[in-house]
Amino acid sequence: MSAISVPLDTMVPISRFGRGGASREFAKVADGVPVTVLKNSEPAYFIINEHDYRRLREAEERVADLEARSQALLGEGAVFDSIEALMEDLHA
């Protein structure tokens, strides 16, 4: 696994969430600042707002689509003899 680089001011020890500090950290997230939760001094969790989460999911979908298109252009993947066989595979 490669090292993760995050801004220092977004790092929060996980223990802060047990001492009533969670609301302060969630307020940062609401302001558009992701929070990096540290466990044993290492980034363990990332808290992001709904907008950033949606953008992340959309980016993942675009990457998956690009990978599928690339495979299709290279002739990789399954080949079906009929539409019925394709539909059967899609519903499996």
C-alpha atoms as a PDB file:
ATOM      1  CA  MET A   1       0.000   0.000   0.000  1.00  0.00           C
ATOM      2  CA  SER A   2       1.328   3.436  -0.875  1.00  0.00           C
ATOM      3  CA  ALA A   3       1.577   6.345   1.534  1.00  0.00           C
ATOM      4  CA  ILE A   4      -1.312   8.787   1.732  1.00  0.00           C
ATOM      5  CA  SER A   5      -0.624  12.498   1.811  1.00  0.00           C
ATOM      6  CA  VAL A   6      -3.199  14.657   3.623  1.00  0.00           C
ATOM      7  CA  PRO A   7      -3.082  18.211   4.986  1.00  0.00           C
ATOM      8  CA  LEU A   8      -2.116  18.353   8.661  1.00  0.00           C
ATOM      9  CA  ASP A   9      -5.042  20.578   9.617  1.00  0.00           C
ATOM     10  CA  THR A  10      -7.531  17.891   8.528  1.00  0.00           C
ATOM     11  CA  MET A  11      -6.061  15.176  10.759  1.00  0.00           C
ATOM     12  CA  VAL A  12      -8.021  14.201  13.854  1.00  0.00           C
ATOM     13  CA  PRO A  13      -7.212  11.382  16.283  1.00  0.00           C
ATOM     14  CA  ILE A  14     -10.021   8.855  16.560  1.00  0.00           C
ATOM     15  CA  SER A  15     -10.100   9.437  20.323  1.00  0.00           C
ATOM     16  CA  ARG A  16     -11.542  12.912  19.739  1.00  0.00           C
ATOM     17  CA  PHE A  17     -14.788  11.326  18.577  1.00  0.00           C
ATOM     18  CA  GLY A  18     -15.225   9.637  21.951  1.00  0.00           C
ATOM     19  CA  ARG A  19     -14.864  12.874  23.937  1.00  0.00           C
ATOM     20  CA  GLY A  20     -17.724  14.814  22.438  1.00  0.00           C
ATOM     21  CA  GLY A  21     -15.583  16.406  19.737  1.00  0.00           C
ATOM     22  CA  ALA A  22     -17.395  14.745  16.866  1.00  0.00           C
ATOM     23  CA  SER A  23     -19.779  17.644  16.218  1.00  0.00           C
ATOM     24  CA  ARG A  24     -16.856  20.060  15.754  1.00  0.00           C
ATOM     25  CA  GLU A  25     -15.226  17.696  13.237  1.00  0.00           C
ATOM     26  CA  PHE A  26     -18.507  17.110  11.378  1.00  0.00           C
ATOM     27  CA  ALA A  27     -18.932  20.880  11.145  1.00  0.00           C
ATOM     28  CA  LYS A  28     -15.626  21.028   9.248  1.00  0.00           C
ATOM     29  CA  VAL A  29     -16.932  18.417   6.826  1.00  0.00           C
ATOM     30  CA  ALA A  30     -20.119  20.432   6.317  1.00  0.00           C
ATOM     31  CA  ASP A  31     -17.916  23.397   5.375  1.00  0.00           C
ATOM     32  CA  GLY A  32     -16.318  21.331   2.600  1.00  0.00           C
ATOM     33  CA  VAL A  33     -13.174  20.298   4.456  1.00  0.00           C
ATOM     34  CA  PRO A  34     -12.610  16.535   4.495  1.00  0.00           C
ATOM     35  CA  VAL A  35     -11.541  15.128   7.856  1.00  0.00           C
ATOM     36  CA  THR A  36      -8.821  12.504   8.118  1.00  0.00           C
ATOM     37  CA  VAL A  37      -9.367  10.273  11.141  1.00  0.00           C
ATOM     38  CA  LEU A  38      -6.146   8.849  12.557  1.00  0.00           C
ATOM     39  CA  LYS A  39      -5.907   5.467  14.223  1.00  0.00           C
ATOM     40  CA  ASN A  40      -2.529   4.590  15.713  1.00  0.00           C
ATOM     41  CA  SER A  41      -1.160   7.781  14.118  1.00  0.00           C
ATOM     42  CA  GLU A  42      -2.061   6.573  10.611  1.00  0.00           C
ATOM     43  CA  PRO A  43      -4.927   7.736   8.346  1.00  0.00           C
ATOM     44  CA  ALA A  44      -7.688   5.165   8.841  1.00  0.00           C
ATOM     45  CA  TYR A  45     -10.901   6.898   7.770  1.00  0.00           C
ATOM     46  CA  PHE A  46     -11.861   9.871   5.653  1.00  0.00           C
ATOM     47  CA  ILE A  47     -15.055  11.791   6.315  1.00  0.00           C
ATOM     48  CA  ILE A  48     -16.396  13.761   3.361  1.00  0.00           C
ATOM     49  CA  ASN A  49     -19.623  15.636   2.720  1.00  0.00           C
ATOM     50  CA  GLU A  50     -22.459  14.379   0.519  1.00  0.00           C
ATOM     51  CA  HIS A  51     -21.447  16.490  -2.487  1.00  0.00           C
ATOM     52  CA  ASP A  52     -17.874  15.155  -2.472  1.00  0.00           C
ATOM     53  CA  TYR A  53     -19.142  11.595  -1.970  1.00  0.00           C
ATOM     54  CA  ARG A  54     -21.417  11.914  -5.010  1.00  0.00           C
ATOM     55  CA  ARG A  55     -18.510  13.283  -7.084  1.00  0.00           C
ATOM     56  CA  LEU A  56     -16.341  10.356  -5.964  1.00  0.00           C
ATOM     57  CA  ARG A  57     -19.014   7.803  -6.922  1.00  0.00           C
ATOM     58  CA  GLU A  58     -19.533   9.486 -10.316  1.00  0.00           C
ATOM     59  CA  ALA A  59     -15.777   9.427 -10.954  1.00  0.00           C
ATOM     60  CA  GLU A  60     -15.656   5.723 -10.072  1.00  0.00           C
ATOM     61  CA  GLU A  61     -18.489   5.060 -12.532  1.00  0.00           C
ATOM     62  CA  ARG A  62     -16.688   7.022 -15.280  1.00  0.00           C
ATOM     63  CA  VAL A  63     -13.501   5.018 -14.688  1.00  0.00           C
ATOM     64  CA  ALA A  64     -15.437   1.731 -14.845  1.00  0.00           C
ATOM     65  CA  ASP A  65     -17.083   2.858 -18.106  1.00  0.00           C
ATOM     66  CA  LEU A  66     -13.723   3.833 -19.595  1.00  0.00           C
ATOM     67  CA  GLU A  67     -12.213   0.487 -18.600  1.00  0.00           C
ATOM     68  CA  ALA A  68     -15.147  -1.370 -20.203  1.00  0.00           C
ATOM     69  CA  ARG A  69     -14.837   0.682 -23.392  1.00  0.00           C
ATOM     70  CA  SER A  70     -11.108   0.056 -23.504  1.00  0.00           C
ATOM     71  CA  GLN A  71     -11.643  -3.684 -23.132  1.00  0.00           C
ATOM     72  CA  ALA A  72     -14.278  -3.636 -25.876  1.00  0.00           C
ATOM     73  CA  LEU A  73     -11.995  -1.717 -28.249  1.00  0.00           C
ATOM     74  CA  LEU A  74      -9.181  -4.181 -27.561  1.00  0.00           C
ATOM     75  CA  GLY A  75     -11.497  -7.126 -28.151  1.00  0.00           C
ATOM     76  CA  GLU A  76     -11.223  -8.319 -24.557  1.00  0.00           C
ATOM     77  CA  GLY A  77     -14.077  -9.812 -22.582  1.00  0.00           C
ATOM     78  CA  ALA A  78     -16.789 -12.313 -23.296  1.00  0.00           C
ATOM     79  CA  VAL A  79     -18.169 -12.944 -26.774  1.00  0.00           C
ATOM     80  CA  PHE A  80     -21.803 -13.992 -27.132  1.00  0.00           C
ATOM     81  CA  ASP A  81     -23.415 -15.904 -29.964  1.00  0.00           C
ATOM     82  CA  SER A  82     -26.797 -14.273 -29.510  1.00  0.00           C
ATOM     83  CA  ILE A  83     -28.653 -11.507 -27.733  1.00  0.00           C
ATOM     84  CA  GLU A  84     -30.324 -14.149 -25.596  1.00  0.00           C
ATOM     85  CA  ALA A  85     -26.936 -15.400 -24.357  1.00  0.00           C
ATOM     86  CA  LEU A  86     -25.875 -11.842 -23.562  1.00  0.00           C
ATOM     87  CA  MET A  87     -29.094 -11.133 -21.677  1.00  0.00           C
ATOM     88  CA  GLU A  88     -28.774 -14.382 -19.764  1.00  0.00           C
ATOM     89  CA  ASP A  89     -25.246 -13.451 -18.728  1.00  0.00           C
ATOM     90  CA  LEU A  90     -26.343  -9.964 -17.666  1.00  0.00           C
ATOM     91  CA  HIS A  91     -29.062 -11.372 -15.416  1.00  0.00           C
ATOM     92  CA  ALA A  92     -26.849 -14.079 -13.879  1.00  0.00           C
END
